[in-house]
Protein backbone atom coordinates (compact mmCIF):
# COMPACT_ATOMS: atom_id res chain seq x y z
CA MET A 1 32.76 -60.28 -18.95
CA ILE A 2 29.39 -59.07 -17.60
CA LEU A 3 26.87 -58.01 -20.20
CA ARG A 4 24.48 -55.19 -19.24
CA ALA A 5 21.17 -54.41 -20.86
CA PRO A 6 21.19 -51.03 -22.54
CA GLY A 7 19.57 -48.42 -20.27
CA ARG A 8 16.91 -45.95 -21.30
CA PRO A 9 18.28 -42.63 -22.51
CA ALA A 10 18.20 -39.99 -19.80
CA TRP A 11 16.28 -37.62 -22.06
CA LEU A 12 13.53 -40.19 -22.52
CA ILE A 13 13.12 -40.60 -18.76
CA ALA A 14 13.11 -36.83 -18.27
CA ALA A 15 10.53 -36.37 -21.03
CA ALA A 16 8.28 -39.06 -19.56
CA ALA A 17 8.54 -37.48 -16.09
CA ALA A 18 7.74 -34.02 -17.50
CA LEU A 19 4.76 -35.40 -19.41
CA ALA A 20 3.49 -37.16 -16.30
CA GLY A 21 3.90 -33.95 -14.30
CA VAL A 22 1.97 -31.92 -16.85
CA TRP A 23 -0.82 -34.49 -16.88
CA LEU A 24 -0.93 -34.61 -13.08
CA ILE A 25 -1.33 -30.84 -12.83
CA GLY A 26 -3.82 -30.55 -15.67
CA SER A 27 -5.92 -33.52 -14.57
CA GLY A 28 -6.78 -31.93 -11.22
CA VAL A 29 -6.44 -35.19 -9.30
CA TRP A 30 -4.39 -33.32 -6.69
CA GLY A 31 -7.23 -30.89 -6.04
CA ALA A 32 -9.08 -32.87 -3.39
CA ALA A 33 -6.88 -31.36 -0.70
CA PHE A 34 -7.45 -27.79 -1.94
CA ARG A 35 -11.21 -27.55 -2.33
CA ASP A 36 -12.86 -24.15 -2.35
CA PRO A 37 -14.45 -23.76 1.13
CA GLY A 38 -17.55 -22.41 -0.56
CA ASP A 39 -19.73 -19.49 0.37
CA GLU A 40 -19.46 -19.17 4.13
CA PRO A 41 -21.49 -16.49 5.90
CA ALA A 42 -19.32 -13.78 7.41
CA VAL A 43 -19.66 -13.29 11.14
CA SER A 44 -19.89 -9.57 11.87
CA GLN A 45 -20.09 -8.46 15.47
CA GLY A 46 -20.83 -5.17 17.16
CA GLU A 47 -22.37 -1.92 16.05
CA HIS A 48 -19.43 -0.76 13.90
CA VAL A 49 -18.34 -3.17 11.17
CA ALA A 50 -15.31 -2.68 8.93
CA ILE A 51 -15.40 -4.62 5.64
CA VAL A 52 -11.98 -4.91 4.00
CA LEU A 53 -11.78 -5.74 0.29
CA LEU A 54 -8.37 -6.86 -0.98
CA SER A 55 -7.59 -6.16 -4.62
CA ALA A 56 -7.03 -8.78 -7.32
CA GLY A 57 -5.48 -6.66 -10.04
CA ALA A 58 -6.79 -5.17 -13.27
CA ARG A 59 -6.97 -6.10 -16.94
CA ARG A 60 -7.68 -4.42 -20.25
CA GLU A 61 -11.36 -4.54 -21.22
CA ARG A 62 -10.09 -5.02 -24.77
CA PRO A 63 -6.71 -4.42 -26.45
CA GLY A 64 -5.90 -0.76 -25.90
CA GLY A 65 -9.14 -0.28 -23.97
CA ALA A 66 -9.86 0.88 -20.43
CA TRP A 67 -8.62 -0.95 -17.35
CA VAL A 68 -11.28 -2.97 -15.52
CA PRO A 69 -11.18 -5.33 -12.52
CA THR A 70 -10.07 -8.90 -13.17
CA ARG A 71 -12.50 -11.81 -12.99
CA ASP A 72 -11.45 -12.63 -9.43
CA ALA A 73 -11.74 -8.94 -8.52
CA PHE A 74 -15.34 -8.86 -9.72
CA TYR A 75 -16.12 -11.85 -7.50
CA ARG A 76 -14.57 -9.99 -4.55
CA ILE A 77 -16.49 -6.80 -5.35
CA GLU A 78 -19.74 -8.77 -5.55
CA LYS A 79 -19.02 -10.48 -2.24
CA THR A 80 -18.20 -7.15 -0.58
CA ALA A 81 -21.48 -5.67 -1.77
CA ASP A 82 -23.35 -8.71 -0.38
CA VAL A 83 -21.67 -8.37 3.02
CA TYR A 84 -22.32 -4.62 3.02
CA ARG A 85 -26.03 -5.06 2.26
CA ALA A 86 -26.36 -7.65 5.02
CA CYS A 87 -24.60 -5.29 7.40
CA LYS A 88 -26.89 -2.38 6.52
CA HIS A 89 -29.92 -4.63 6.82
CA ASP A 90 -28.95 -5.26 10.44
CA GLU A 91 -28.87 -1.47 10.95
CA ARG A 92 -25.18 -1.37 11.77
CA THR A 93 -22.58 1.24 10.90
CA CYS A 94 -20.80 -0.31 7.91
CA ALA A 95 -17.48 0.94 6.51
CA VAL A 96 -15.84 -0.53 3.41
CA ILE A 97 -12.05 -0.25 3.02
CA VAL A 98 -10.78 -1.06 -0.47
CA SER A 99 -7.08 -1.97 -0.41
CA GLY A 100 -5.00 -2.00 -3.56
CA GLY A 101 -2.34 0.19 -5.15
CA ASP A 102 -0.96 0.27 -8.68
CA PRO A 103 2.01 -2.14 -8.62
CA ASP A 104 1.91 -2.71 -12.39
CA GLY A 105 1.83 0.99 -13.33
CA HIS A 106 -1.62 1.15 -14.93
CA GLY A 107 -1.97 4.80 -13.97
CA ILE A 108 -4.81 4.12 -11.54
CA SER A 109 -4.84 2.17 -8.30
CA ASP A 110 -6.95 -0.96 -7.97
CA ALA A 111 -8.85 0.69 -5.10
CA GLN A 112 -9.81 3.65 -7.30
CA LEU A 113 -10.71 1.32 -10.14
CA TYR A 114 -13.00 -0.83 -7.98
CA GLN A 115 -14.84 2.04 -6.28
CA PRO A 116 -17.39 2.79 -9.04
CA TRP A 117 -18.23 -0.90 -9.35
CA LEU A 118 -18.92 -1.05 -5.60
CA VAL A 119 -21.10 2.05 -5.81
CA GLY A 120 -22.92 0.50 -8.77
CA SER A 121 -23.57 -2.56 -6.60
CA GLY A 122 -25.25 -0.47 -3.92
CA VAL A 123 -22.42 0.56 -1.60
CA ASP A 124 -22.83 4.13 -0.40
CA PRO A 125 -19.74 6.10 -1.55
CA ARG A 126 -19.74 7.86 1.83
CA ASP A 127 -19.00 4.48 3.43
CA ILE A 128 -15.98 3.75 1.23
CA THR A 129 -12.35 4.44 2.20
CA LEU A 130 -9.59 3.82 -0.34
CA GLU A 131 -6.11 2.50 0.48
CA THR A 132 -4.07 3.12 -2.66
CA GLN A 133 -0.46 2.36 -1.67
CA SER A 134 -0.23 -1.40 -1.17
CA ALA A 135 1.43 -3.65 -3.72
CA ASN A 136 1.07 -7.04 -2.01
CA THR A 137 -0.80 -8.86 0.75
CA ARG A 138 1.64 -7.86 3.46
CA GLN A 139 1.24 -4.20 2.56
CA ASN A 140 -2.54 -4.63 2.36
CA ALA A 141 -2.53 -5.60 6.01
CA ARG A 142 -0.04 -2.93 7.05
CA TYR A 143 -1.78 0.03 5.40
CA VAL A 144 -5.29 -1.11 6.27
CA SER A 145 -4.24 -1.46 9.91
CA ARG A 146 -3.35 2.23 9.94
CA ILE A 147 -6.80 3.12 8.64
CA LEU A 148 -8.48 0.85 11.16
CA HIS A 149 -6.61 2.47 14.03
CA GLY A 150 -8.32 5.76 13.21
CA MET A 151 -11.74 4.28 12.58
CA PRO A 152 -14.28 3.02 15.13
CA HIS A 153 -14.87 -0.69 14.55
CA ASP A 154 -16.04 -3.63 16.63
CA SER A 155 -15.21 -6.28 14.03
CA VAL A 156 -13.36 -6.65 10.73
CA THR A 157 -14.73 -8.75 7.88
CA LEU A 158 -12.10 -9.67 5.29
CA VAL A 159 -13.13 -10.19 1.69
CA THR A 160 -10.79 -11.93 -0.72
CA SER A 161 -10.79 -15.02 -2.93
CA ALA A 162 -11.13 -18.38 -1.19
CA TYR A 163 -7.64 -19.47 -2.29
CA HIS A 164 -6.11 -16.28 -0.84
CA MET A 165 -8.00 -16.14 2.44
CA ARG A 166 -5.62 -18.13 4.66
CA ARG A 167 -2.56 -16.07 3.73
CA ALA A 168 -4.47 -12.81 3.98
CA GLN A 169 -5.78 -13.60 7.45
CA LEU A 170 -2.30 -14.60 8.60
CA ASN A 171 -0.94 -11.21 7.58
CA PHE A 172 -3.69 -9.35 9.42
CA GLU A 173 -3.28 -11.57 12.49
CA GLY A 174 0.44 -10.78 12.44
CA LEU A 175 -0.53 -7.16 13.12
CA GLY A 176 -2.95 -8.11 15.86
CA ILE A 177 -6.10 -7.74 13.73
CA ARG A 178 -8.59 -10.58 14.03
CA THR A 179 -10.74 -10.92 10.92
CA HIS A 180 -13.90 -12.77 9.97
CA ALA A 181 -13.62 -14.47 6.58
CA ALA A 182 -15.99 -13.70 3.73
CA ALA A 183 -14.51 -15.77 0.92
CA ALA A 184 -15.40 -14.75 -2.61
CA PHE A 185 -15.95 -17.42 -5.23
CA SER A 186 -12.88 -18.89 -6.90
CA ASP A 187 -12.37 -21.86 -9.21
CA SER A 188 -11.37 -25.23 -7.81
CA ALA A 189 -9.69 -28.09 -9.67
CA THR A 190 -11.90 -30.46 -11.66
CA VAL A 191 -10.73 -34.05 -12.07
CA SER A 192 -10.39 -34.92 -15.74
CA LEU A 193 -8.48 -37.51 -17.77
CA VAL A 194 -7.77 -34.78 -20.30
CA PRO A 195 -5.73 -31.90 -18.80
CA ARG A 196 -7.82 -28.76 -18.40
CA ARG A 197 -6.62 -25.16 -18.63
CA LYS A 198 -8.52 -24.23 -15.46
CA ASN A 199 -6.62 -26.82 -13.45
CA PHE A 200 -3.29 -25.24 -14.39
CA LEU A 201 -4.55 -21.87 -13.15
CA VAL A 202 -5.79 -23.35 -9.88
CA ALA A 203 -2.45 -25.16 -9.46
CA TYR A 204 -0.67 -21.84 -9.93
CA HIS A 205 -2.77 -20.30 -7.15
CA VAL A 206 -2.06 -23.25 -4.85
CA VAL A 207 1.70 -23.00 -5.39
CA HIS A 208 1.69 -19.21 -5.12
CA GLU A 209 -0.26 -19.22 -1.87
CA THR A 210 1.78 -22.06 -0.37
CA LEU A 211 5.01 -20.16 -1.08
CA GLY A 212 3.40 -16.96 0.22
CA ILE A 213 2.45 -18.61 3.51
CA ALA A 214 5.97 -20.02 3.84
CA GLN A 215 7.39 -16.55 3.19
CA TYR A 216 5.08 -15.08 5.84
CA TRP A 217 6.34 -17.50 8.51
CA VAL A 218 9.99 -16.85 7.58
CA ILE A 219 9.48 -13.07 7.79
CA HIS A 220 7.49 -13.43 10.98
CA TRP A 221 10.16 -15.69 12.49
CA ILE A 222 13.02 -13.25 11.80
CA GLY A 223 10.89 -10.43 13.21
CA VAL A 224 10.77 -7.97 10.32
CA PHE A 225 7.04 -8.14 9.66
């Protein structure tokens, strides 16, 4: 008769693997491959420059209070205002297109919500065009392309968060629109022995964008973009 050593309970192995996975995500050690590219100057060309701001949702200012842009949205608004000021400084014709609908039913589109913040940051309201129908990145590109087709422009500068930039540019390129990246600030993972809440959020963005890029290529491949 062959005697076997008792094996570890399956639940114990599963629990240890889950714990290791949680630590791995929260520690940020995976983040080296997903560093924020940093603040790269946007390359705007020609006399007529279109600056496209992609929305990042809205949040309650306080429970039951007014809707305001999210933290990432504020970074994008700030970046858009910076690009706009640089464009005006070069004495170009500068148009800002704000793209974002109301997918969560707040009663106001993201584009409408962001407009006063842009104006408050120095963007001339006469230079702002609102796109209020889109509910995702693919629709951002589709509806903005229609606006661009009726607007004189020599170049398009795309403003979105650094983690979102690759997927956003792919969607615009899929419609034949070449864009110059103006990446707004976004958090990157910080290596820590103790799991950090920020690292879980960054990991979520990484997974979300990776799946989004995969979805783009599948849709593009089957030809329904």
